[in-house]
Amino acid sequence: MTELLHWIEQDPVRFVAIAAVAVLGGRLLWRRLTRRYRPLPVAEAVRRVNDGETLFLDVRTGPEVRGGVLPGAVHIPKHQLRRRLQELRGHCPGGGPVVVYCHSGMRSAGAAHLLTRHGFEPVFNLQGGVMAWNADGLPLDTAPGARHE
């Protein structure tokens, strides 16, 4: 123990850096272990598109959605999601599944986490986002009937 204290005393900057990395790594691990949303492969998302129960939520920015959205998706940018949760509840009054997606799956993971913390379930994060959807050659909806909000 005294050796550790001596090392900390001799190299406090390195100790703080190591401690910060350990705390951040622990936090990321904790979030992953306690997340309540599930990843959803594109093949499963395709099956859910027309099931009449699943809500698809696009959390990309306005300019990103101009290229199209998944069929029937609701668009609420991630930065607006927290203040528009009640509005989102109106889109899924039966409490059906919600599939959240973005360009690559990173922003939508944060949005999915937010939704589960506010009582939405089940919540899924589309693996690979629109990039994976496009890679599989699947169509995007650009029709006026799409629910862009």
N, C-alpha and C. Protein backbone atom coordinates (compact mmCIF):
# COMPACT_ATOMS: atom_id res chain seq x y z
N MET A 1 0.82 -1.19 0.00
CA MET A 1 0.00 0.00 0.00
C MET A 1 0.86 1.25 0.00
N THR A 2 1.93 1.21 0.79
CA THR A 2 2.80 2.38 0.84
C THR A 2 3.49 2.61 -0.49
N GLU A 3 3.77 1.52 -1.21
CA GLU A 3 4.38 1.66 -2.54
C GLU A 3 3.43 2.39 -3.49
N LEU A 4 2.15 2.06 -3.42
CA LEU A 4 1.16 2.72 -4.26
C LEU A 4 1.08 4.21 -3.92
N LEU A 5 1.01 4.52 -2.66
CA LEU A 5 0.96 5.92 -2.25
C LEU A 5 2.21 6.67 -2.69
N HIS A 6 3.36 6.02 -2.60
CA HIS A 6 4.61 6.63 -3.04
C HIS A 6 4.56 6.89 -4.55
N TRP A 7 4.09 5.91 -5.31
CA TRP A 7 3.98 6.07 -6.77
C TRP A 7 3.04 7.23 -7.12
N ILE A 8 1.89 7.32 -6.45
CA ILE A 8 0.94 8.40 -6.69
C ILE A 8 1.59 9.74 -6.40
N GLU A 9 2.32 9.78 -5.31
CA GLU A 9 3.01 11.02 -4.91
C GLU A 9 4.06 11.42 -5.94
N GLN A 10 4.75 10.44 -6.51
CA GLN A 10 5.82 10.70 -7.48
C GLN A 10 5.27 11.04 -8.88
N ASP A 11 4.12 10.49 -9.24
CA ASP A 11 3.59 10.68 -10.60
C ASP A 11 2.08 10.91 -10.56
N PRO A 12 1.63 12.03 -10.01
CA PRO A 12 0.19 12.28 -9.85
C PRO A 12 -0.56 12.43 -11.18
N VAL A 13 0.11 12.96 -12.19
CA VAL A 13 -0.55 13.16 -13.48
C VAL A 13 -0.92 11.81 -14.10
N ARG A 14 0.02 10.89 -14.08
CA ARG A 14 -0.26 9.56 -14.63
C ARG A 14 -1.35 8.86 -13.82
N PHE A 15 -1.31 9.01 -12.50
CA PHE A 15 -2.35 8.41 -11.66
C PHE A 15 -3.74 8.95 -12.03
N VAL A 16 -3.85 10.26 -12.17
CA VAL A 16 -5.14 10.87 -12.52
C VAL A 16 -5.60 10.38 -13.89
N ALA A 17 -4.69 10.29 -14.84
CA ALA A 17 -5.05 9.80 -16.18
C ALA A 17 -5.55 8.36 -16.13
N ILE A 18 -4.83 7.51 -15.42
CA ILE A 18 -5.24 6.11 -15.30
C ILE A 18 -6.59 6.00 -14.58
N ALA A 19 -6.75 6.77 -13.52
CA ALA A 19 -8.02 6.74 -12.77
C ALA A 19 -9.17 7.21 -13.65
N ALA A 20 -8.96 8.25 -14.45
CA ALA A 20 -10.02 8.76 -15.33
C ALA A 20 -10.41 7.72 -16.37
N VAL A 21 -9.42 7.07 -16.97
CA VAL A 21 -9.70 6.02 -17.96
C VAL A 21 -10.47 4.87 -17.30
N ALA A 22 -10.08 4.50 -16.09
CA ALA A 22 -10.76 3.42 -15.39
C ALA A 22 -12.21 3.79 -15.09
N VAL A 23 -12.45 5.01 -14.65
CA VAL A 23 -13.82 5.44 -14.34
C VAL A 23 -14.67 5.47 -15.61
N LEU A 24 -14.13 6.05 -16.69
CA LEU A 24 -14.89 6.10 -17.94
C LEU A 24 -15.16 4.70 -18.49
N GLY A 25 -14.15 3.85 -18.43
CA GLY A 25 -14.34 2.48 -18.89
C GLY A 25 -15.38 1.74 -18.07
N GLY A 26 -15.34 1.95 -16.77
CA GLY A 26 -16.33 1.33 -15.89
C GLY A 26 -17.73 1.83 -16.18
N ARG A 27 -17.84 3.12 -16.45
CA ARG A 27 -19.16 3.70 -16.77
C ARG A 27 -19.71 3.11 -18.07
N LEU A 28 -18.85 3.01 -19.08
CA LEU A 28 -19.30 2.43 -20.36
C LEU A 28 -19.71 0.97 -20.17
N LEU A 29 -18.93 0.23 -19.41
CA LEU A 29 -19.27 -1.16 -19.15
C LEU A 29 -20.59 -1.27 -18.39
N TRP A 30 -20.78 -0.43 -17.38
CA TRP A 30 -22.01 -0.43 -16.61
C TRP A 30 -23.22 -0.14 -17.50
N ARG A 31 -23.10 0.87 -18.38
CA ARG A 31 -24.20 1.21 -19.29
C ARG A 31 -24.53 0.03 -20.19
N ARG A 32 -23.49 -0.64 -20.68
CA ARG A 32 -23.73 -1.77 -21.58
C ARG A 32 -24.41 -2.92 -20.83
N LEU A 33 -23.98 -3.18 -19.61
CA LEU A 33 -24.55 -4.28 -18.84
C LEU A 33 -25.97 -4.00 -18.36
N THR A 34 -26.30 -2.73 -18.18
CA THR A 34 -27.63 -2.40 -17.65
C THR A 34 -28.58 -1.83 -18.70
N ARG A 35 -28.17 -1.78 -19.96
CA ARG A 35 -29.07 -1.23 -20.97
C ARG A 35 -30.29 -2.11 -21.12
N ARG A 36 -31.40 -1.47 -21.37
CA ARG A 36 -32.66 -2.19 -21.49
C ARG A 36 -33.16 -2.23 -22.91
N TYR A 37 -32.46 -1.60 -23.83
CA TYR A 37 -32.85 -1.73 -25.24
C TYR A 37 -32.01 -2.84 -25.85
N ARG A 38 -32.48 -3.33 -26.97
CA ARG A 38 -31.77 -4.43 -27.62
C ARG A 38 -31.37 -4.04 -29.03
N PRO A 39 -30.23 -4.54 -29.50
CA PRO A 39 -29.85 -4.30 -30.89
C PRO A 39 -30.78 -5.10 -31.80
N LEU A 40 -31.06 -4.55 -32.97
CA LEU A 40 -31.96 -5.20 -33.92
C LEU A 40 -31.28 -5.28 -35.28
N PRO A 41 -31.05 -6.48 -35.78
CA PRO A 41 -30.45 -6.63 -37.11
C PRO A 41 -31.40 -6.13 -38.20
N VAL A 42 -30.85 -5.72 -39.33
CA VAL A 42 -31.66 -5.20 -40.43
C VAL A 42 -32.71 -6.22 -40.87
N ALA A 43 -32.35 -7.49 -40.95
CA ALA A 43 -33.30 -8.51 -41.41
C ALA A 43 -34.55 -8.54 -40.53
N GLU A 44 -34.37 -8.40 -39.22
CA GLU A 44 -35.51 -8.38 -38.31
C GLU A 44 -36.29 -7.08 -38.46
N ALA A 45 -35.60 -5.98 -38.70
CA ALA A 45 -36.28 -4.69 -38.91
C ALA A 45 -37.18 -4.76 -40.14
N VAL A 46 -36.72 -5.42 -41.18
CA VAL A 46 -37.53 -5.57 -42.39
C VAL A 46 -38.84 -6.28 -42.06
N ARG A 47 -38.77 -7.30 -41.24
CA ARG A 47 -39.99 -8.03 -40.86
C ARG A 47 -40.94 -7.15 -40.04
N ARG A 48 -40.38 -6.20 -39.31
CA ARG A 48 -41.21 -5.35 -38.45
C ARG A 48 -41.79 -4.13 -39.17
N VAL A 49 -41.24 -3.76 -40.32
CA VAL A 49 -41.67 -2.53 -41.00
C VAL A 49 -43.17 -2.49 -41.22
N ASN A 50 -43.75 -3.58 -41.65
CA ASN A 50 -45.17 -3.57 -41.99
C ASN A 50 -46.02 -4.38 -41.03
N ASP A 51 -45.55 -4.60 -39.81
CA ASP A 51 -46.34 -5.42 -38.89
C ASP A 51 -47.50 -4.66 -38.23
N GLY A 52 -47.54 -3.34 -38.41
CA GLY A 52 -48.64 -2.56 -37.85
C GLY A 52 -48.51 -2.30 -36.35
N GLU A 53 -47.48 -2.80 -35.72
CA GLU A 53 -47.30 -2.63 -34.28
C GLU A 53 -46.05 -1.83 -33.94
N THR A 54 -45.02 -1.95 -34.79
CA THR A 54 -43.73 -1.36 -34.48
C THR A 54 -43.64 0.06 -34.99
N LEU A 55 -43.20 0.96 -34.11
CA LEU A 55 -42.95 2.35 -34.49
C LEU A 55 -41.47 2.50 -34.80
N PHE A 56 -41.17 3.05 -35.96
CA PHE A 56 -39.79 3.34 -36.34
C PHE A 56 -39.55 4.82 -36.08
N LEU A 57 -38.50 5.12 -35.32
CA LEU A 57 -38.17 6.49 -34.94
C LEU A 57 -36.81 6.87 -35.52
N ASP A 58 -36.82 7.85 -36.41
CA ASP A 58 -35.60 8.36 -37.03
C ASP A 58 -35.10 9.54 -36.20
N VAL A 59 -33.91 9.44 -35.65
CA VAL A 59 -33.39 10.51 -34.79
C VAL A 59 -32.28 11.31 -35.48
N ARG A 60 -32.20 11.21 -36.81
CA ARG A 60 -31.20 11.98 -37.55
C ARG A 60 -31.62 13.45 -37.64
N THR A 61 -30.72 14.27 -38.13
CA THR A 61 -31.02 15.69 -38.30
C THR A 61 -31.88 15.90 -39.54
N GLY A 62 -32.48 17.09 -39.63
CA GLY A 62 -33.31 17.42 -40.78
C GLY A 62 -32.63 17.20 -42.12
N PRO A 63 -31.42 17.73 -42.33
CA PRO A 63 -30.75 17.51 -43.62
C PRO A 63 -30.50 16.03 -43.92
N GLU A 64 -30.26 15.23 -42.90
CA GLU A 64 -30.00 13.80 -43.13
C GLU A 64 -31.23 13.07 -43.64
N VAL A 65 -32.42 13.46 -43.20
CA VAL A 65 -33.62 12.73 -43.61
C VAL A 65 -34.08 13.08 -45.00
N ARG A 66 -33.52 14.12 -45.60
CA ARG A 66 -33.94 14.49 -46.95
C ARG A 66 -33.70 13.37 -47.96
N GLY A 67 -32.75 12.49 -47.66
CA GLY A 67 -32.49 11.36 -48.54
C GLY A 67 -33.49 10.24 -48.37
N GLY A 68 -34.37 10.35 -47.39
CA GLY A 68 -35.39 9.35 -47.16
C GLY A 68 -35.32 8.75 -45.77
N VAL A 69 -36.44 8.15 -45.37
CA VAL A 69 -36.56 7.49 -44.07
C VAL A 69 -37.04 6.07 -44.30
N LEU A 70 -36.90 5.25 -43.27
CA LEU A 70 -37.48 3.91 -43.37
C LEU A 70 -38.99 4.06 -43.52
N PRO A 71 -39.61 3.15 -44.23
CA PRO A 71 -41.05 3.28 -44.51
C PRO A 71 -41.89 3.51 -43.25
N GLY A 72 -42.67 4.60 -43.27
CA GLY A 72 -43.58 4.92 -42.19
C GLY A 72 -42.96 5.49 -40.94
N ALA A 73 -41.67 5.80 -40.97
CA ALA A 73 -40.97 6.26 -39.76
C ALA A 73 -41.42 7.65 -39.33
N VAL A 74 -41.32 7.89 -38.03
CA VAL A 74 -41.53 9.21 -37.44
C VAL A 74 -40.15 9.83 -37.27
N HIS A 75 -40.03 11.10 -37.61
CA HIS A 75 -38.74 11.78 -37.49
C HIS A 75 -38.78 12.77 -36.33
N ILE A 76 -37.96 12.52 -35.33
CA ILE A 76 -37.73 13.47 -34.24
C ILE A 76 -36.22 13.48 -34.02
N PRO A 77 -35.54 14.58 -34.35
CA PRO A 77 -34.09 14.62 -34.16
C PRO A 77 -33.71 14.34 -32.71
N LYS A 78 -32.59 13.67 -32.52
CA LYS A 78 -32.18 13.27 -31.17
C LYS A 78 -32.12 14.44 -30.22
N HIS A 79 -31.65 15.59 -30.68
CA HIS A 79 -31.52 16.74 -29.78
C HIS A 79 -32.88 17.30 -29.34
N GLN A 80 -33.96 16.88 -29.98
CA GLN A 80 -35.30 17.32 -29.59
C GLN A 80 -36.08 16.24 -28.84
N LEU A 81 -35.54 15.06 -28.77
CA LEU A 81 -36.29 13.91 -28.27
C LEU A 81 -36.77 14.07 -26.84
N ARG A 82 -35.92 14.53 -25.95
CA ARG A 82 -36.30 14.63 -24.54
C ARG A 82 -37.54 15.51 -24.35
N ARG A 83 -37.60 16.63 -25.05
CA ARG A 83 -38.75 17.53 -24.86
C ARG A 83 -39.97 17.11 -25.67
N ARG A 84 -39.82 16.10 -26.53
CA ARG A 84 -40.95 15.65 -27.35
C ARG A 84 -41.40 14.23 -27.00
N LEU A 85 -41.06 13.77 -25.81
CA LEU A 85 -41.43 12.41 -25.40
C LEU A 85 -42.94 12.21 -25.38
N GLN A 86 -43.69 13.19 -24.89
CA GLN A 86 -45.16 13.06 -24.84
C GLN A 86 -45.72 12.92 -26.24
N GLU A 87 -45.19 13.70 -27.15
CA GLU A 87 -45.62 13.62 -28.56
C GLU A 87 -45.34 12.22 -29.10
N LEU A 88 -44.19 11.68 -28.77
CA LEU A 88 -43.83 10.34 -29.23
C LEU A 88 -44.78 9.30 -28.65
N ARG A 89 -45.20 9.47 -27.40
CA ARG A 89 -46.15 8.54 -26.79
C ARG A 89 -47.45 8.50 -27.59
N GLY A 90 -47.83 9.63 -28.19
CA GLY A 90 -49.03 9.68 -29.01
C GLY A 90 -48.93 8.83 -30.27
N HIS A 91 -47.71 8.57 -30.72
CA HIS A 91 -47.52 7.74 -31.91
C HIS A 91 -47.57 6.25 -31.59
N CYS A 92 -47.45 5.90 -30.32
CA CYS A 92 -47.50 4.49 -29.95
C CYS A 92 -48.38 4.32 -28.71
N PRO A 93 -49.67 4.65 -28.86
CA PRO A 93 -50.56 4.61 -27.71
C PRO A 93 -50.71 3.22 -27.11
N GLY A 94 -50.55 2.17 -27.91
CA GLY A 94 -50.67 0.82 -27.39
C GLY A 94 -49.40 0.34 -26.71
N GLY A 95 -48.37 1.18 -26.73
CA GLY A 95 -47.11 0.79 -26.09
C GLY A 95 -46.35 -0.26 -26.87
N GLY A 96 -46.54 -0.28 -28.17
CA GLY A 96 -45.86 -1.28 -29.00
C GLY A 96 -44.36 -1.04 -29.07
N PRO A 97 -43.66 -1.92 -29.74
CA PRO A 97 -42.21 -1.80 -29.86
C PRO A 97 -41.80 -0.53 -30.61
N VAL A 98 -40.64 0.00 -30.24
CA VAL A 98 -40.06 1.16 -30.91
C VAL A 98 -38.68 0.76 -31.42
N VAL A 99 -38.44 1.00 -32.71
CA VAL A 99 -37.12 0.79 -33.30
C VAL A 99 -36.54 2.16 -33.59
N VAL A 100 -35.43 2.47 -32.95
CA VAL A 100 -34.77 3.77 -33.11
C VAL A 100 -33.61 3.58 -34.08
N TYR A 101 -33.44 4.56 -34.98
CA TYR A 101 -32.30 4.47 -35.90
C TYR A 101 -31.77 5.85 -36.25
N CYS A 102 -30.52 5.85 -36.69
CA CYS A 102 -29.86 7.07 -37.16
C CYS A 102 -29.01 6.66 -38.37
N HIS A 103 -27.96 7.39 -38.64
CA HIS A 103 -27.13 7.08 -39.80
C HIS A 103 -26.34 5.78 -39.59
N SER A 104 -25.71 5.64 -38.41
CA SER A 104 -24.84 4.49 -38.19
C SER A 104 -25.22 3.62 -37.00
N GLY A 105 -26.10 4.12 -36.14
CA GLY A 105 -26.49 3.36 -34.94
C GLY A 105 -25.92 3.92 -33.65
N MET A 106 -25.08 4.94 -33.73
CA MET A 106 -24.48 5.50 -32.52
C MET A 106 -25.44 6.45 -31.80
N ARG A 107 -25.96 7.45 -32.49
CA ARG A 107 -26.89 8.38 -31.86
C ARG A 107 -28.15 7.66 -31.42
N SER A 108 -28.60 6.71 -32.23
CA SER A 108 -29.83 6.00 -31.88
C SER A 108 -29.65 5.16 -30.63
N ALA A 109 -28.44 4.72 -30.33
CA ALA A 109 -28.21 3.98 -29.09
C ALA A 109 -28.48 4.88 -27.89
N GLY A 110 -28.01 6.11 -27.96
CA GLY A 110 -28.29 7.07 -26.88
C GLY A 110 -29.76 7.39 -26.78
N ALA A 111 -30.42 7.52 -27.93
CA ALA A 111 -31.86 7.80 -27.93
C ALA A 111 -32.64 6.60 -27.38
N ALA A 112 -32.23 5.40 -27.73
CA ALA A 112 -32.90 4.19 -27.21
C ALA A 112 -32.75 4.12 -25.70
N HIS A 113 -31.57 4.46 -25.21
CA HIS A 113 -31.34 4.47 -23.76
C HIS A 113 -32.28 5.49 -23.10
N LEU A 114 -32.41 6.66 -23.68
CA LEU A 114 -33.30 7.69 -23.15
C LEU A 114 -34.75 7.18 -23.10
N LEU A 115 -35.19 6.54 -24.17
CA LEU A 115 -36.56 6.03 -24.21
C LEU A 115 -36.81 4.99 -23.12
N THR A 116 -35.88 4.09 -22.92
CA THR A 116 -36.09 3.06 -21.89
C THR A 116 -36.13 3.69 -20.50
N ARG A 117 -35.34 4.74 -20.29
CA ARG A 117 -35.36 5.43 -18.99
C ARG A 117 -36.69 6.14 -18.75
N HIS A 118 -37.42 6.42 -19.82
CA HIS A 118 -38.70 7.11 -19.69
C HIS A 118 -39.89 6.18 -19.92
N GLY A 119 -39.68 4.89 -19.75
CA GLY A 119 -40.78 3.95 -19.72
C GLY A 119 -41.20 3.33 -21.04
N PHE A 120 -40.54 3.63 -22.13
CA PHE A 120 -40.87 2.98 -23.39
C PHE A 120 -40.28 1.57 -23.37
N GLU A 121 -41.07 0.62 -23.86
CA GLU A 121 -40.56 -0.74 -24.01
C GLU A 121 -41.51 -1.56 -24.85
N PRO A 122 -41.01 -2.51 -25.58
CA PRO A 122 -39.60 -2.77 -25.80
C PRO A 122 -39.02 -1.74 -26.78
N VAL A 123 -37.74 -1.48 -26.62
CA VAL A 123 -37.03 -0.54 -27.49
C VAL A 123 -35.86 -1.27 -28.13
N PHE A 124 -35.69 -1.01 -29.42
CA PHE A 124 -34.62 -1.64 -30.20
C PHE A 124 -33.79 -0.55 -30.87
N ASN A 125 -32.52 -0.84 -31.08
CA ASN A 125 -31.63 0.05 -31.83
C ASN A 125 -31.24 -0.67 -33.11
N LEU A 126 -31.56 -0.07 -34.26
CA LEU A 126 -31.25 -0.69 -35.54
C LEU A 126 -29.73 -0.74 -35.73
N GLN A 127 -29.19 -1.95 -35.81
CA GLN A 127 -27.75 -2.14 -35.94
C GLN A 127 -27.27 -1.59 -37.29
N GLY A 128 -26.33 -0.66 -37.23
CA GLY A 128 -25.76 -0.11 -38.45
C GLY A 128 -26.57 1.02 -39.06
N GLY A 129 -27.75 1.28 -38.52
CA GLY A 129 -28.58 2.39 -38.97
C GLY A 129 -28.90 2.37 -40.45
N VAL A 130 -29.08 3.56 -41.01
CA VAL A 130 -29.44 3.69 -42.42
C VAL A 130 -28.32 3.15 -43.31
N MET A 131 -27.07 3.23 -42.85
CA MET A 131 -25.97 2.69 -43.65
C MET A 131 -26.17 1.19 -43.89
N ALA A 132 -26.55 0.47 -42.86
CA ALA A 132 -26.77 -0.98 -43.00
C ALA A 132 -28.00 -1.25 -43.86
N TRP A 133 -29.05 -0.43 -43.67
CA TRP A 133 -30.27 -0.57 -44.47
C TRP A 133 -29.95 -0.41 -45.95
N ASN A 134 -29.18 0.65 -46.28
CA ASN A 134 -28.78 0.91 -47.67
C ASN A 134 -27.87 -0.18 -48.20
N ALA A 135 -26.97 -0.68 -47.36
CA ALA A 135 -26.04 -1.73 -47.78
C ALA A 135 -26.78 -2.99 -48.20
N ASP A 136 -27.94 -3.23 -47.61
CA ASP A 136 -28.75 -4.39 -47.99
C ASP A 136 -29.65 -4.08 -49.18
N GLY A 137 -29.53 -2.88 -49.76
CA GLY A 137 -30.30 -2.51 -50.94
C GLY A 137 -31.78 -2.29 -50.66
N LEU A 138 -32.11 -1.94 -49.45
CA LEU A 138 -33.52 -1.75 -49.08
C LEU A 138 -33.96 -0.32 -49.37
N PRO A 139 -35.24 -0.15 -49.72
CA PRO A 139 -35.71 1.18 -50.11
C PRO A 139 -35.97 2.10 -48.92
N LEU A 140 -35.83 3.39 -49.18
CA LEU A 140 -36.20 4.41 -48.22
C LEU A 140 -37.45 5.09 -48.72
N ASP A 141 -38.27 5.57 -47.80
CA ASP A 141 -39.53 6.22 -48.13
C ASP A 141 -39.29 7.72 -48.27
N THR A 142 -39.59 8.24 -49.45
CA THR A 142 -39.48 9.68 -49.67
C THR A 142 -40.83 10.26 -50.04
N ALA A 143 -41.87 9.44 -49.92
CA ALA A 143 -43.21 9.86 -50.31
C ALA A 143 -43.73 10.91 -49.33
N PRO A 144 -44.64 11.80 -49.79
CA PRO A 144 -45.20 12.80 -48.91
C PRO A 144 -45.93 12.20 -47.71
N GLY A 145 -46.34 10.96 -47.77
CA GLY A 145 -47.06 10.32 -46.68
C GLY A 145 -46.20 9.95 -45.50
N ALA A 146 -44.88 10.00 -45.67
CA ALA A 146 -44.00 9.65 -44.57
C ALA A 146 -44.19 10.66 -43.44
N ARG A 147 -44.08 10.19 -42.22
CA ARG A 147 -44.35 11.06 -41.04
C ARG A 147 -43.08 11.79 -40.63
N HIS A 148 -42.72 12.85 -41.33
CA HIS A 148 -41.58 13.68 -40.95
C HIS A 148 -42.06 14.75 -40.01
N GLU A 149 -41.41 14.88 -38.88
CA GLU A 149 -41.89 15.85 -37.90
C GLU A 149 -40.79 16.77 -37.46
